[in-house]
């Protein structure tokens, strides 16, 4: 597997194959990433299942850790439920 990182070692893609041309890196024959966004390209033997692009960082292709700036996306229903719970707590329910 191939791990592609951007600034701050944040993983932007995990690929089985890449092709490089002058300005882009083609990932798995269907996605292009501009080369100026890429900091590193690492060949990795094994990637833990929990590692996902943007959620994890990769240092020199050897060490994976959570991206400290990553924030989960919550559905509208989850956000509304959390707000309702906060209002109920403030109102004393």
Protein backbone atom coordinates (compact mmCIF):
# COMPACT_ATOMS: atom_id res chain seq x y z
CA UNK A 1 0.00 0.00 0.00
CA UNK A 2 1.04 3.57 -0.61
CA UNK A 3 0.41 6.42 1.82
CA UNK A 4 0.36 10.00 0.52
CA UNK A 5 0.69 12.86 3.00
CA UNK A 6 0.32 16.63 2.91
CA UNK A 7 1.71 19.30 5.24
CA UNK A 8 1.88 18.32 8.92
CA UNK A 9 2.11 14.67 7.80
CA UNK A 10 -1.68 14.36 7.47
CA UNK A 11 -2.65 11.41 5.26
CA UNK A 12 -4.58 12.57 2.20
CA UNK A 13 -4.78 9.22 0.41
CA UNK A 14 -4.10 5.53 0.75
CA UNK A 15 -3.56 3.86 -2.60
CA UNK A 16 -2.75 0.52 -4.15
CA UNK A 17 -1.07 2.16 -7.12
CA UNK A 18 0.02 5.61 -8.24
CA UNK A 19 1.20 7.17 -11.49
CA UNK A 20 3.06 10.45 -11.52
CA UNK A 21 3.18 13.01 -14.29
CA UNK A 22 4.56 16.53 -14.30
CA UNK A 23 1.82 18.16 -12.22
CA UNK A 24 -0.33 15.41 -10.71
CA UNK A 25 -0.23 12.11 -8.89
CA UNK A 26 -2.89 9.71 -10.13
CA UNK A 27 -4.23 7.38 -7.43
CA UNK A 28 -5.71 3.97 -8.31
CA UNK A 29 -6.34 5.16 -11.91
CA UNK A 30 -9.25 7.39 -10.91
CA UNK A 31 -8.20 10.34 -8.69
CA UNK A 32 -5.62 13.06 -9.28
CA UNK A 33 -3.87 15.04 -6.56
CA UNK A 34 -1.81 18.13 -7.45
CA UNK A 35 1.86 17.52 -6.67
CA UNK A 36 2.17 20.85 -4.86
CA UNK A 37 -0.17 19.51 -2.13
CA UNK A 38 1.92 16.38 -1.51
CA UNK A 39 4.60 16.33 1.17
CA UNK A 40 5.46 12.62 1.16
CA UNK A 41 4.80 9.33 -0.63
CA UNK A 42 5.55 6.21 1.39
CA UNK A 43 5.45 2.52 0.52
CA UNK A 44 3.99 0.77 3.57
CA UNK A 45 3.75 -2.99 4.12
CA UNK A 46 0.79 -2.87 6.48
CA UNK A 47 -1.68 -0.17 7.44
CA UNK A 48 -3.82 -0.64 10.57
CA UNK A 49 -7.55 -0.89 9.79
CA UNK A 50 -8.45 2.18 11.84
CA UNK A 51 -6.16 4.46 9.78
CA UNK A 52 -8.20 6.72 7.50
CA UNK A 53 -7.21 9.72 5.36
CA UNK A 54 -7.42 13.07 7.19
CA UNK A 55 -8.11 11.30 10.51
CA UNK A 56 -4.53 10.02 10.85
CA UNK A 57 -1.01 11.28 10.26
CA UNK A 58 1.95 9.25 9.00
CA UNK A 59 5.53 10.09 9.87
CA UNK A 60 8.13 8.86 7.36
CA UNK A 61 5.91 5.93 6.41
CA UNK A 62 6.54 4.17 9.70
CA UNK A 63 4.46 5.73 12.46
CA UNK A 64 0.70 6.35 12.41
CA UNK A 65 -1.04 8.59 14.94
CA UNK A 66 -4.32 10.49 15.23
CA UNK A 67 -4.43 13.90 13.60
CA UNK A 68 -4.81 16.33 16.51
CA UNK A 69 -6.80 18.73 14.29
CA UNK A 70 -9.31 16.12 13.05
CA UNK A 71 -12.95 16.63 13.99
CA UNK A 72 -15.67 14.04 13.49
CA UNK A 73 -18.61 15.00 11.31
CA UNK A 74 -21.90 14.48 13.07
CA UNK A 75 -25.27 14.09 11.38
CA UNK A 76 -27.92 16.78 11.77
CA UNK A 77 -29.98 14.46 13.97
CA UNK A 78 -27.02 13.91 16.33
CA UNK A 79 -26.33 17.63 16.56
CA UNK A 80 -29.99 18.47 17.25
CA UNK A 81 -30.20 15.76 19.92
CA UNK A 82 -27.07 17.12 21.62
CA UNK A 83 -28.51 20.66 21.59
CA UNK A 84 -31.83 19.44 22.99
CA UNK A 85 -29.98 17.63 25.79
CA UNK A 86 -27.99 20.77 26.61
CA UNK A 87 -31.16 22.90 26.71
CA UNK A 88 -32.91 20.36 28.95
CA UNK A 89 -29.95 20.36 31.34
CA UNK A 90 -29.95 24.19 31.45
CA UNK A 91 -33.69 24.23 32.10
CA UNK A 92 -33.35 21.64 34.85
CA UNK A 93 -35.19 18.76 33.20
